[in-house]
């Protein structure tokens, strides 16, 4: 007897689940997508097969991420969007522009991350922060969440680890819920497990959450700014985001300014 496997969800079931996650009624979605509520109901319960264009339109109004949109296409019997490597020639102009932004942020650290928080690229200043991390954590793909929270990584040098780690886990939890990406769900479980052994401390006063990092005899204080590509139509580019670290005090600024790193060659 063959093993029992989980039933694949239909495109209607997936669309209904995304609609409920967005707290949108059938009437609201049908008005936005310019389709009848009756037809939308038929699509969701499997009585009508949507065209590829209709799947794309409904997904756009539901703000479904491109990776999850591929699942909708596959469930409806259509070819998914292609996923390319970041060094694909067609992506070169965008990637070159993003790398220029990394170097423009010198002498402060900056990273280019994919949608699973793996490091795609970084500027030279990042090496100063990661010095002392276990070699196995620095093997590609380096994961920014893991190397921050792992006791073999930055965690022992982050004075306010519960606060900063809680900030990271909150971001990860929001993204995992927004995208329903199973890889993010696994990473979230790992991050919560790593952070769970840390004793909570009161949040430090200040207008933003900062990372307080011991480096040699210095205490470095940074806040982070994250930016995503707007209107990306490519699956690879859609998940990329820049994470830049900005000095939160003059001592940190002076420390990095005196040891300015060289940009990409």
C-alpha atoms as a PDB file:
ATOM      1  CA  UNK A   1       0.000   0.000   0.000  1.00  0.00           C
ATOM      2  CA  UNK A   2       1.554   3.391  -0.971  1.00  0.00           C
ATOM      3  CA  UNK A   3       2.249   5.878   1.836  1.00  0.00           C
ATOM      4  CA  UNK A   4      -0.376   8.499   2.544  1.00  0.00           C
ATOM      5  CA  UNK A   5       0.740  11.951   1.454  1.00  0.00           C
ATOM      6  CA  UNK A   6      -0.719  15.360   2.188  1.00  0.00           C
ATOM      7  CA  UNK A   7      -3.275  16.505  -0.374  1.00  0.00           C
ATOM      8  CA  UNK A   8      -2.161  19.329  -2.605  1.00  0.00           C
ATOM      9  CA  UNK A   9      -4.189  22.491  -2.119  1.00  0.00           C
ATOM     10  CA  UNK A  10      -6.210  23.751  -5.059  1.00  0.00           C
ATOM     11  CA  UNK A  11      -5.697  27.260  -6.359  1.00  0.00           C
ATOM     12  CA  UNK A  12      -9.135  28.184  -4.998  1.00  0.00           C
ATOM     13  CA  UNK A  13      -8.213  27.011  -1.514  1.00  0.00           C
ATOM     14  CA  UNK A  14      -4.943  28.942  -1.616  1.00  0.00           C
ATOM     15  CA  UNK A  15      -6.672  32.120  -2.801  1.00  0.00           C
ATOM     16  CA  UNK A  16      -9.303  31.812  -0.084  1.00  0.00           C
ATOM     17  CA  UNK A  17      -6.582  31.371   2.547  1.00  0.00           C
ATOM     18  CA  UNK A  18      -4.719  34.468   1.344  1.00  0.00           C
ATOM     19  CA  UNK A  19      -7.985  36.450   1.277  1.00  0.00           C
ATOM     20  CA  UNK A  20      -8.704  35.482   4.869  1.00  0.00           C
ATOM     21  CA  UNK A  21      -5.174  36.356   5.936  1.00  0.00           C
ATOM     22  CA  UNK A  22      -5.655  39.790   4.432  1.00  0.00           C
ATOM     23  CA  UNK A  23      -9.010  40.064   6.266  1.00  0.00           C
ATOM     24  CA  UNK A  24     -10.804  40.761   3.023  1.00  0.00           C
ATOM     25  CA  UNK A  25     -14.318  39.669   2.103  1.00  0.00           C
ATOM     26  CA  UNK A  26     -15.212  38.139  -1.259  1.00  0.00           C
ATOM     27  CA  UNK A  27     -17.141  41.318  -2.078  1.00  0.00           C
ATOM     28  CA  UNK A  28     -14.141  43.535  -1.330  1.00  0.00           C
ATOM     29  CA  UNK A  29     -11.783  41.405  -3.420  1.00  0.00           C
ATOM     30  CA  UNK A  30     -14.212  41.069  -6.303  1.00  0.00           C
ATOM     31  CA  UNK A  31     -14.672  44.847  -6.430  1.00  0.00           C
ATOM     32  CA  UNK A  32     -10.923  45.422  -6.478  1.00  0.00           C
ATOM     33  CA  UNK A  33     -10.321  42.788  -9.149  1.00  0.00           C
ATOM     34  CA  UNK A  34     -13.386  43.745 -11.240  1.00  0.00           C
ATOM     35  CA  UNK A  35     -14.870  40.235 -11.188  1.00  0.00           C
ATOM     36  CA  UNK A  36     -18.261  39.156  -9.923  1.00  0.00           C
ATOM     37  CA  UNK A  37     -18.564  37.840  -6.395  1.00  0.00           C
ATOM     38  CA  UNK A  38     -20.278  34.771  -7.851  1.00  0.00           C
ATOM     39  CA  UNK A  39     -17.348  33.997 -10.134  1.00  0.00           C
ATOM     40  CA  UNK A  40     -14.845  34.526  -7.314  1.00  0.00           C
ATOM     41  CA  UNK A  41     -16.867  32.151  -5.154  1.00  0.00           C
ATOM     42  CA  UNK A  42     -16.819  29.557  -7.949  1.00  0.00           C
ATOM     43  CA  UNK A  43     -13.032  29.896  -8.237  1.00  0.00           C
ATOM     44  CA  UNK A  44     -12.521  29.467  -4.512  1.00  0.00           C
ATOM     45  CA  UNK A  45     -14.724  26.370  -4.268  1.00  0.00           C
ATOM     46  CA  UNK A  46     -13.257  24.800  -7.408  1.00  0.00           C
ATOM     47  CA  UNK A  47     -16.306  25.123  -9.678  1.00  0.00           C
ATOM     48  CA  UNK A  48     -14.479  27.491 -12.076  1.00  0.00           C
ATOM     49  CA  UNK A  49     -10.879  27.375 -13.279  1.00  0.00           C
ATOM     50  CA  UNK A  50      -9.267  30.834 -13.283  1.00  0.00           C
ATOM     51  CA  UNK A  51      -7.130  32.062 -16.152  1.00  0.00           C
ATOM     52  CA  UNK A  52      -3.472  32.848 -15.490  1.00  0.00           C
ATOM     53  CA  UNK A  53      -4.306  36.541 -15.754  1.00  0.00           C
ATOM     54  CA  UNK A  54      -7.035  36.251 -13.154  1.00  0.00           C
ATOM     55  CA  UNK A  55      -4.721  34.382 -10.767  1.00  0.00           C
ATOM     56  CA  UNK A  56      -2.143  37.155 -11.183  1.00  0.00           C
ATOM     57  CA  UNK A  57      -4.738  39.899 -10.682  1.00  0.00           C
ATOM     58  CA  UNK A  58      -6.207  38.362  -7.548  1.00  0.00           C
ATOM     59  CA  UNK A  59      -2.727  37.719  -6.157  1.00  0.00           C
ATOM     60  CA  UNK A  60      -1.720  41.325  -6.788  1.00  0.00           C
ATOM     61  CA  UNK A  61      -4.756  42.688  -4.948  1.00  0.00           C
ATOM     62  CA  UNK A  62      -4.065  40.276  -2.092  1.00  0.00           C
ATOM     63  CA  UNK A  63      -0.427  41.439  -1.997  1.00  0.00           C
ATOM     64  CA  UNK A  64       0.825  37.884  -2.381  1.00  0.00           C
ATOM     65  CA  UNK A  65       4.645  37.786  -2.545  1.00  0.00           C
ATOM     66  CA  UNK A  66       6.097  36.563  -5.843  1.00  0.00           C
ATOM     67  CA  UNK A  67       7.363  33.303  -4.367  1.00  0.00           C
ATOM     68  CA  UNK A  68       3.904  32.492  -3.008  1.00  0.00           C
ATOM     69  CA  UNK A  69       2.361  33.648  -6.304  1.00  0.00           C
ATOM     70  CA  UNK A  70       4.324  30.851  -7.971  1.00  0.00           C
ATOM     71  CA  UNK A  71       2.495  28.370  -5.755  1.00  0.00           C
ATOM     72  CA  UNK A  72      -0.789  29.792  -7.016  1.00  0.00           C
ATOM     73  CA  UNK A  73       0.318  29.441 -10.646  1.00  0.00           C
ATOM     74  CA  UNK A  74       1.405  25.834 -10.104  1.00  0.00           C
ATOM     75  CA  UNK A  75      -1.814  24.964  -8.294  1.00  0.00           C
ATOM     76  CA  UNK A  76      -3.791  26.412 -11.225  1.00  0.00           C
ATOM     77  CA  UNK A  77      -1.733  24.417 -13.730  1.00  0.00           C
ATOM     78  CA  UNK A  78       0.358  27.283 -15.096  1.00  0.00           C
ATOM     79  CA  UNK A  79       4.123  27.656 -15.411  1.00  0.00           C
ATOM     80  CA  UNK A  80       5.736  29.487 -12.473  1.00  0.00           C
ATOM     81  CA  UNK A  81       7.915  32.568 -12.704  1.00  0.00           C
ATOM     82  CA  UNK A  82      11.577  31.754 -13.313  1.00  0.00           C
ATOM     83  CA  UNK A  83      14.026  32.189 -10.451  1.00  0.00           C
ATOM     84  CA  UNK A  84      17.492  33.272 -11.540  1.00  0.00           C
ATOM     85  CA  UNK A  85      20.869  33.478  -9.858  1.00  0.00           C
ATOM     86  CA  UNK A  86      21.917  36.908  -8.615  1.00  0.00           C
ATOM     87  CA  UNK A  87      24.811  36.897 -11.113  1.00  0.00           C
ATOM     88  CA  UNK A  88      22.445  36.502 -14.080  1.00  0.00           C
ATOM     89  CA  UNK A  89      23.416  39.009 -16.791  1.00  0.00           C
ATOM     90  CA  UNK A  90      19.863  40.374 -17.000  1.00  0.00           C
ATOM     91  CA  UNK A  91      20.038  41.348 -13.331  1.00  0.00           C
ATOM     92  CA  UNK A  92      23.516  42.911 -13.574  1.00  0.00           C
ATOM     93  CA  UNK A  93      22.384  46.582 -13.789  1.00  0.00           C
ATOM     94  CA  UNK A  94      20.257  46.236 -10.656  1.00  0.00           C
ATOM     95  CA  UNK A  95      22.867  44.241  -8.739  1.00  0.00           C
ATOM     96  CA  UNK A  96      25.590  46.740  -9.684  1.00  0.00           C
ATOM     97  CA  UNK A  97      23.401  49.545  -8.398  1.00  0.00           C
ATOM     98  CA  UNK A  98      22.774  47.740  -5.113  1.00  0.00           C
ATOM     99  CA  UNK A  99      26.494  47.107  -4.662  1.00  0.00           C
ATOM    100  CA  UNK A 100      27.167  50.799  -5.211  1.00  0.00           C
ATOM    101  CA  UNK A 101      24.728  51.524  -2.388  1.00  0.00           C
ATOM    102  CA  UNK A 102      26.645  49.108  -0.142  1.00  0.00           C
ATOM    103  CA  UNK A 103      29.914  50.901  -0.847  1.00  0.00           C
ATOM    104  CA  UNK A 104      28.304  54.329  -0.527  1.00  0.00           C
ATOM    105  CA  UNK A 105      27.455  53.435   3.084  1.00  0.00           C
ATOM    106  CA  UNK A 106      31.137  53.020   4.032  1.00  0.00           C
ATOM    107  CA  UNK A 107      32.659  53.320   6.553  1.00  0.00           C
ATOM    108  CA  UNK A 108      29.558  51.875   8.224  1.00  0.00           C
ATOM    109  CA  UNK A 109      28.574  48.189   7.753  1.00  0.00           C
ATOM    110  CA  UNK A 110      25.896  47.265   5.205  1.00  0.00           C
ATOM    111  CA  UNK A 111      24.534  43.971   3.882  1.00  0.00           C
ATOM    112  CA  UNK A 112      22.429  42.824   0.958  1.00  0.00           C
ATOM    113  CA  UNK A 113      20.158  40.003   2.144  1.00  0.00           C
ATOM    114  CA  UNK A 114      17.794  37.658   0.330  1.00  0.00           C
ATOM    115  CA  UNK A 115      14.297  36.835   1.551  1.00  0.00           C
ATOM    116  CA  UNK A 116      15.654  34.167   3.923  1.00  0.00           C
ATOM    117  CA  UNK A 117      18.161  36.560   5.535  1.00  0.00           C
ATOM    118  CA  UNK A 118      21.106  34.910   3.753  1.00  0.00           C
ATOM    119  CA  UNK A 119      23.897  37.366   2.918  1.00  0.00           C
ATOM    120  CA  UNK A 120      24.133  37.971  -0.829  1.00  0.00           C
ATOM    121  CA  UNK A 121      26.796  40.677  -0.557  1.00  0.00           C
ATOM    122  CA  UNK A 122      28.196  43.180   1.924  1.00  0.00           C
ATOM    123  CA  UNK A 123      30.623  46.043   2.121  1.00  0.00           C
ATOM    124  CA  UNK A 124      34.102  45.744   3.590  1.00  0.00           C
ATOM    125  CA  UNK A 125      33.100  47.242   6.958  1.00  0.00           C
ATOM    126  CA  UNK A 126      31.054  44.175   7.863  1.00  0.00           C
ATOM    127  CA  UNK A 127      34.217  42.116   8.421  1.00  0.00           C
ATOM    128  CA  UNK A 128      35.043  44.199  11.483  1.00  0.00           C
ATOM    129  CA  UNK A 129      31.742  43.186  13.104  1.00  0.00           C
ATOM    130  CA  UNK A 130      32.038  39.475  12.279  1.00  0.00           C
ATOM    131  CA  UNK A 131      35.621  39.081  13.453  1.00  0.00           C
ATOM    132  CA  UNK A 132      35.752  36.260  15.993  1.00  0.00           C
ATOM    133  CA  UNK A 133      32.668  34.375  14.793  1.00  0.00           C
ATOM    134  CA  UNK A 134      33.024  30.612  14.356  1.00  0.00           C
ATOM    135  CA  UNK A 135      34.323  29.665  10.875  1.00  0.00           C
ATOM    136  CA  UNK A 136      31.374  27.350  10.243  1.00  0.00           C
ATOM    137  CA  UNK A 137      28.969  30.271  10.624  1.00  0.00           C
ATOM    138  CA  UNK A 138      30.940  32.196   7.999  1.00  0.00           C
ATOM    139  CA  UNK A 139      30.606  29.469   5.367  1.00  0.00           C
ATOM    140  CA  UNK A 140      28.249  30.563   2.550  1.00  0.00           C
ATOM    141  CA  UNK A 141      25.405  31.074   2.713  1.00  0.00           C
ATOM    142  CA  UNK A 142      25.937  33.189   5.826  1.00  0.00           C
ATOM    143  CA  UNK A 143      22.618  33.757   7.556  1.00  0.00           C
ATOM    144  CA  UNK A 144      22.297  37.127   9.305  1.00  0.00           C
ATOM    145  CA  UNK A 145      19.750  35.915  11.881  1.00  0.00           C
ATOM    146  CA  UNK A 146      21.723  32.797  12.777  1.00  0.00           C
ATOM    147  CA  UNK A 147      25.121  34.504  13.063  1.00  0.00           C
ATOM    148  CA  UNK A 148      23.593  37.180  15.300  1.00  0.00           C
ATOM    149  CA  UNK A 149      21.822  34.857  17.749  1.00  0.00           C
ATOM    150  CA  UNK A 150      24.124  31.819  17.764  1.00  0.00           C
ATOM    151  CA  UNK A 151      26.450  31.625  20.810  1.00  0.00           C
ATOM    152  CA  UNK A 152      29.300  30.870  18.368  1.00  0.00           C
ATOM    153  CA  UNK A 153      28.539  34.106  16.534  1.00  0.00           C
ATOM    154  CA  UNK A 154      27.851  37.662  17.662  1.00  0.00           C
ATOM    155  CA  UNK A 155      25.555  36.768  20.579  1.00  0.00           C
ATOM    156  CA  UNK A 156      28.195  36.724  23.363  1.00  0.00           C
ATOM    157  CA  UNK A 157      29.357  40.238  22.355  1.00  0.00           C
ATOM    158  CA  UNK A 158      25.893  41.816  22.133  1.00  0.00           C
ATOM    159  CA  UNK A 159      25.256  43.418  25.518  1.00  0.00           C
ATOM    160  CA  UNK A 160      21.529  43.867  24.937  1.00  0.00           C
ATOM    161  CA  UNK A 161      20.958  40.539  23.193  1.00  0.00           C
ATOM    162  CA  UNK A 162      17.398  39.991  24.501  1.00  0.00           C
ATOM    163  CA  UNK A 163      16.325  43.406  23.231  1.00  0.00           C
ATOM    164  CA  UNK A 164      18.155  43.296  19.880  1.00  0.00           C
ATOM    165  CA  UNK A 165      17.386  39.610  19.348  1.00  0.00           C
ATOM    166  CA  UNK A 166      13.738  40.200  20.140  1.00  0.00           C
ATOM    167  CA  UNK A 167      13.709  42.967  17.531  1.00  0.00           C
ATOM    168  CA  UNK A 168      15.151  40.553  14.902  1.00  0.00           C
ATOM    169  CA  UNK A 169      12.805  37.725  15.798  1.00  0.00           C
ATOM    170  CA  UNK A 170       9.849  40.098  15.602  1.00  0.00           C
ATOM    171  CA  UNK A 171      10.873  41.086  12.058  1.00  0.00           C
ATOM    172  CA  UNK A 172      11.315  37.445  11.101  1.00  0.00           C
ATOM    173  CA  UNK A 173       7.967  36.436  12.606  1.00  0.00           C
ATOM    174  CA  UNK A 174       6.176  39.197  10.697  1.00  0.00           C
ATOM    175  CA  UNK A 175       7.812  38.202   7.410  1.00  0.00           C
ATOM    176  CA  UNK A 176       7.112  34.497   7.952  1.00  0.00           C
ATOM    177  CA  UNK A 177       3.444  35.243   8.637  1.00  0.00           C
ATOM    178  CA  UNK A 178       3.202  37.623   5.683  1.00  0.00           C
ATOM    179  CA  UNK A 179       4.725  35.237   3.147  1.00  0.00           C
ATOM    180  CA  UNK A 180       3.855  31.806   4.589  1.00  0.00           C
ATOM    181  CA  UNK A 181       7.304  30.685   3.406  1.00  0.00           C
ATOM    182  CA  UNK A 182       8.125  27.336   5.104  1.00  0.00           C
ATOM    183  CA  UNK A 183      11.867  28.101   5.126  1.00  0.00           C
ATOM    184  CA  UNK A 184      11.180  31.237   7.131  1.00  0.00           C
ATOM    185  CA  UNK A 185       9.058  29.170   9.508  1.00  0.00           C
ATOM    186  CA  UNK A 186      12.008  26.828  10.128  1.00  0.00           C
ATOM    187  CA  UNK A 187      14.366  29.782  10.613  1.00  0.00           C
ATOM    188  CA  UNK A 188      11.897  31.371  13.042  1.00  0.00           C
ATOM    189  CA  UNK A 189      11.788  28.193  15.151  1.00  0.00           C
ATOM    190  CA  UNK A 190      15.598  28.147  15.241  1.00  0.00           C
ATOM    191  CA  UNK A 191      15.829  31.822  16.138  1.00  0.00           C
ATOM    192  CA  UNK A 192      13.272  31.532  18.941  1.00  0.00           C
ATOM    193  CA  UNK A 193      15.141  28.509  20.293  1.00  0.00           C
ATOM    194  CA  UNK A 194      18.450  30.385  20.300  1.00  0.00           C
ATOM    195  CA  UNK A 195      16.947  33.473  21.897  1.00  0.00           C
ATOM    196  CA  UNK A 196      14.919  31.486  24.421  1.00  0.00           C
ATOM    197  CA  UNK A 197      17.954  30.712  26.577  1.00  0.00           C
ATOM    198  CA  UNK A 198      18.658  34.423  27.134  1.00  0.00           C
ATOM    199  CA  UNK A 199      17.334  36.125  30.263  1.00  0.00           C
ATOM    200  CA  UNK A 200      15.096  39.100  29.397  1.00  0.00           C
ATOM    201  CA  UNK A 201      16.255  42.565  30.431  1.00  0.00           C
ATOM    202  CA  UNK A 202      14.380  45.869  30.425  1.00  0.00           C
ATOM    203  CA  UNK A 203      14.466  47.747  27.154  1.00  0.00           C
ATOM    204  CA  UNK A 204      17.062  50.507  27.071  1.00  0.00           C
ATOM    205  CA  UNK A 205      15.754  54.066  26.817  1.00  0.00           C
ATOM    206  CA  UNK A 206      16.045  55.810  23.485  1.00  0.00           C
ATOM    207  CA  UNK A 207      14.111  56.676  20.331  1.00  0.00           C
ATOM    208  CA  UNK A 208      15.176  53.511  18.448  1.00  0.00           C
ATOM    209  CA  UNK A 209      16.307  49.972  19.287  1.00  0.00           C
ATOM    210  CA  UNK A 210      20.083  49.772  19.032  1.00  0.00           C
ATOM    211  CA  UNK A 211      22.581  46.929  18.924  1.00  0.00           C
ATOM    212  CA  UNK A 212      25.230  47.335  21.625  1.00  0.00           C
ATOM    213  CA  UNK A 213      28.265  45.348  20.529  1.00  0.00           C
ATOM    214  CA  UNK A 214      31.581  44.833  22.342  1.00  0.00           C
ATOM    215  CA  UNK A 215      34.540  45.090  19.982  1.00  0.00           C
ATOM    216  CA  UNK A 216      37.994  45.020  21.614  1.00  0.00           C
ATOM    217  CA  UNK A 217      37.924  47.847  24.177  1.00  0.00           C
ATOM    218  CA  UNK A 218      35.068  49.675  22.423  1.00  0.00           C
ATOM    219  CA  UNK A 219      31.306  49.547  22.860  1.00  0.00           C
ATOM    220  CA  UNK A 220      29.696  50.024  19.461  1.00  0.00           C
ATOM    221  CA  UNK A 221      26.084  51.178  19.235  1.00  0.00           C
ATOM    222  CA  UNK A 222      24.198  50.924  15.943  1.00  0.00           C
ATOM    223  CA  UNK A 223      20.617  51.187  14.753  1.00  0.00           C
ATOM    224  CA  UNK A 224      19.626  49.560  11.482  1.00  0.00           C
ATOM    225  CA  UNK A 225      17.745  50.791   8.430  1.00  0.00           C
ATOM    226  CA  UNK A 226      16.188  48.243   6.078  1.00  0.00           C
ATOM    227  CA  UNK A 227      15.102  48.933   2.492  1.00  0.00           C
ATOM    228  CA  UNK A 228      13.426  46.703  -0.106  1.00  0.00           C
ATOM    229  CA  UNK A 229      13.147  47.092  -3.848  1.00  0.00           C
ATOM    230  CA  UNK A 230       9.824  48.651  -4.773  1.00  0.00           C
ATOM    231  CA  UNK A 231       7.905  47.207  -7.732  1.00  0.00           C
ATOM    232  CA  UNK A 232      10.287  44.295  -8.341  1.00  0.00           C
ATOM    233  CA  UNK A 233       8.871  41.965 -10.989  1.00  0.00           C
ATOM    234  CA  UNK A 234      11.709  39.427 -10.832  1.00  0.00           C
ATOM    235  CA  UNK A 235      11.454  36.620  -8.279  1.00  0.00           C
ATOM    236  CA  UNK A 236      15.107  36.899  -7.244  1.00  0.00           C
ATOM    237  CA  UNK A 237      15.055  40.668  -6.845  1.00  0.00           C
ATOM    238  CA  UNK A 238      11.728  40.650  -5.011  1.00  0.00           C
ATOM    239  CA  UNK A 239      13.274  39.074  -1.926  1.00  0.00           C
ATOM    240  CA  UNK A 240      16.378  41.264  -1.705  1.00  0.00           C
ATOM    241  CA  UNK A 241      16.703  43.925   0.952  1.00  0.00           C
ATOM    242  CA  UNK A 242      19.465  46.230   2.135  1.00  0.00           C
ATOM    243  CA  UNK A 243      20.313  46.267   5.830  1.00  0.00           C
ATOM    244  CA  UNK A 244      22.473  49.240   6.794  1.00  0.00           C
ATOM    245  CA  UNK A 245      23.943  49.968  10.197  1.00  0.00           C
ATOM    246  CA  UNK A 246      24.144  53.591  11.350  1.00  0.00           C
ATOM    247  CA  UNK A 247      26.180  54.775  14.374  1.00  0.00           C
ATOM    248  CA  UNK A 248      23.952  55.624  17.306  1.00  0.00           C
ATOM    249  CA  UNK A 249      26.580  57.715  19.100  1.00  0.00           C
ATOM    250  CA  UNK A 250      29.698  59.753  18.385  1.00  0.00           C
ATOM    251  CA  UNK A 251      32.084  57.151  19.845  1.00  0.00           C
ATOM    252  CA  UNK A 252      30.898  54.522  17.371  1.00  0.00           C
ATOM    253  CA  UNK A 253      31.129  56.977  14.491  1.00  0.00           C
ATOM    254  CA  UNK A 254      34.679  57.943  15.490  1.00  0.00           C
ATOM    255  CA  UNK A 255      35.753  54.308  15.842  1.00  0.00           C
ATOM    256  CA  UNK A 256      34.656  53.382  12.319  1.00  0.00           C
ATOM    257  CA  UNK A 257      35.703  56.652  10.711  1.00  0.00           C
ATOM    258  CA  UNK A 258      39.282  56.084  11.890  1.00  0.00           C
ATOM    259  CA  UNK A 259      39.344  52.606  10.339  1.00  0.00           C
ATOM    260  CA  UNK A 260      37.482  53.305   7.091  1.00  0.00           C
ATOM    261  CA  UNK A 261      37.257  50.204   4.887  1.00  0.00           C
ATOM    262  CA  UNK A 262      37.941  50.125   1.175  1.00  0.00           C
ATOM    263  CA  UNK A 263      35.010  49.664  -1.216  1.00  0.00           C
ATOM    264  CA  UNK A 264      34.421  46.894  -3.756  1.00  0.00           C
ATOM    265  CA  UNK A 265      37.035  46.740  -6.472  1.00  0.00           C
END
